[in-house]
Amino acid sequence: MSDHPDEYVTLDGSVVRELIRPETSAAQHLSVALARVAPGRPTRPHRHGTSEEVYCVLRGEGLVIVGAKTRPVASGDCVLIPPGTVHWAQAEGAEPLELLCVCAPPYQHADTELLETH
């Protein structure tokens, strides 16, 4: 499933490669990761208790759902996800949706609450 040895499947089901983290860089207040969502496969709805997150679309087209709002996205779009807000993404079409994910404070598995349904 992974194209890079440092990639892993995260709690929401996307394939992630972390680029910047406090544990591995000089960053103190944020993390940056590349995420890939497979075509036709949504990530699991989830929320982060303390992290504010930004999804920047690098490639592909899809939907990003933040709270009650569904937003079509394509390359060049950015979406702000406030702390505590339920969100998920889905690639539309034949290509994966590739996102640059920026979290402040840095992403932590323990700050992620998975939800049951879309």
Protein backbone atom coordinates (compact mmCIF):
# COMPACT_ATOMS: atom_id res chain seq x y z
CA MET A 1 0.00 0.00 0.00
CA SER A 2 2.89 2.37 0.70
CA ASP A 3 5.18 3.91 -1.93
CA HIS A 4 7.71 5.20 0.61
CA PRO A 5 9.38 3.33 3.50
CA ASP A 6 8.38 6.04 6.02
CA GLU A 7 4.67 5.94 5.12
CA TYR A 8 2.06 4.35 7.35
CA VAL A 9 -1.71 4.07 7.52
CA THR A 10 -2.98 6.48 10.14
CA LEU A 11 -6.03 6.14 12.38
CA ASP A 12 -8.38 7.75 9.83
CA GLY A 13 -7.32 5.34 7.05
CA SER A 14 -5.16 7.67 4.95
CA VAL A 15 -1.57 6.83 4.01
CA VAL A 16 0.72 9.38 5.70
CA ARG A 17 4.37 10.38 5.59
CA GLU A 18 5.38 12.85 8.28
CA LEU A 19 7.74 15.56 7.06
CA ILE A 20 8.16 17.84 10.08
CA ARG A 21 7.66 16.96 13.75
CA PRO A 22 9.13 18.36 16.94
CA GLU A 23 10.74 14.97 17.62
CA THR A 24 12.66 15.01 14.33
CA SER A 25 13.18 18.71 13.50
CA ALA A 26 13.52 22.18 14.99
CA ALA A 27 9.72 22.66 14.82
CA GLN A 28 8.19 23.40 18.20
CA HIS A 29 4.52 24.17 17.57
CA LEU A 30 3.39 22.29 14.46
CA SER A 31 3.67 19.18 12.35
CA VAL A 32 3.50 18.74 8.57
CA ALA A 33 2.61 15.52 6.77
CA LEU A 34 1.77 14.28 3.29
CA ALA A 35 -1.45 12.27 3.21
CA ARG A 36 -2.94 10.20 0.41
CA VAL A 37 -6.59 9.16 0.24
CA ALA A 38 -7.33 6.27 -2.12
CA PRO A 39 -9.91 6.85 -4.88
CA GLY A 40 -13.46 6.13 -3.75
CA ARG A 41 -12.39 5.37 -0.17
CA PRO A 42 -13.25 8.01 2.41
CA THR A 43 -11.18 8.53 5.50
CA ARG A 44 -12.90 7.80 8.79
CA PRO A 45 -14.70 10.73 10.37
CA HIS A 46 -12.64 12.03 13.26
CA ARG A 47 -11.75 15.09 15.29
CA HIS A 48 -8.73 16.42 17.11
CA GLY A 49 -9.34 17.81 20.59
CA THR A 50 -6.57 20.40 20.58
CA SER A 51 -5.02 20.55 17.09
CA GLU A 52 -6.06 23.06 14.48
CA GLU A 53 -5.45 21.51 11.06
CA VAL A 54 -5.12 22.74 7.49
CA TYR A 55 -5.54 20.48 4.46
CA CYS A 56 -3.76 21.85 1.37
CA VAL A 57 -4.66 19.86 -1.76
CA LEU A 58 -1.56 19.03 -3.78
CA ARG A 59 -3.10 16.64 -6.31
CA GLY A 60 -6.40 15.10 -7.23
CA GLU A 61 -10.00 16.07 -6.62
CA GLY A 62 -12.39 15.18 -3.88
CA LEU A 63 -14.54 16.26 -1.01
CA VAL A 64 -13.54 17.54 2.41
CA ILE A 65 -16.27 17.51 5.02
CA VAL A 66 -15.79 19.84 8.00
CA GLY A 67 -18.64 19.80 10.49
CA ALA A 68 -21.89 20.06 8.50
CA LYS A 69 -20.21 21.58 5.41
CA THR A 70 -19.12 19.56 2.38
CA ARG A 71 -16.59 21.28 0.15
CA PRO A 72 -15.40 20.07 -3.27
CA VAL A 73 -11.62 20.45 -3.46
CA ALA A 74 -8.92 20.31 -6.13
CA SER A 75 -5.23 21.08 -6.47
CA GLY A 76 -4.38 24.43 -4.86
CA ASP A 77 -7.31 24.51 -2.42
CA CYS A 78 -6.82 24.79 1.35
CA VAL A 79 -9.33 23.95 4.07
CA LEU A 80 -9.12 25.03 7.73
CA ILE A 81 -10.30 22.51 10.33
CA PRO A 82 -10.81 24.04 13.79
CA PRO A 83 -10.01 21.98 16.91
CA GLY A 84 -12.84 19.70 18.00
CA THR A 85 -14.55 19.73 14.57
CA VAL A 86 -15.53 16.43 12.92
CA HIS A 87 -13.91 16.05 9.51
CA TRP A 88 -13.03 13.56 6.79
CA ALA A 89 -12.00 13.47 3.13
CA GLN A 90 -12.75 11.44 0.04
CA ALA A 91 -11.01 11.24 -3.34
CA GLU A 92 -13.34 11.57 -6.33
CA GLY A 93 -12.45 10.05 -9.68
CA ALA A 94 -9.64 7.64 -10.52
CA GLU A 95 -6.74 9.49 -8.85
CA PRO A 96 -5.82 9.61 -5.15
CA LEU A 97 -6.38 12.83 -3.24
CA GLU A 98 -2.99 14.08 -1.99
CA LEU A 99 -2.97 16.52 0.90
CA LEU A 100 -0.37 18.48 2.81
CA CYS A 101 -1.64 18.39 6.41
CA VAL A 102 -0.42 21.04 8.84
CA CYS A 103 -1.35 20.65 12.54
CA ALA A 104 -0.75 23.05 15.41
CA PRO A 105 -0.07 21.88 18.02
CA PRO A 106 1.59 18.88 16.34
CA TYR A 107 -0.52 15.86 15.40
CA GLN A 108 -0.74 13.17 18.08
CA HIS A 109 -2.65 9.87 17.81
CA ALA A 110 -3.93 10.44 21.36
CA ASP A 111 -5.57 13.72 20.24
CA THR A 112 -7.60 11.89 17.54
CA GLU A 113 -11.11 10.66 18.28
CA LEU A 114 -12.50 8.32 15.63
CA LEU A 115 -16.25 8.38 15.00
CA GLU A 116 -18.42 5.52 13.82
CA THR A 117 -20.18 6.70 10.67
CA HIS A 118 -20.04 9.24 7.86
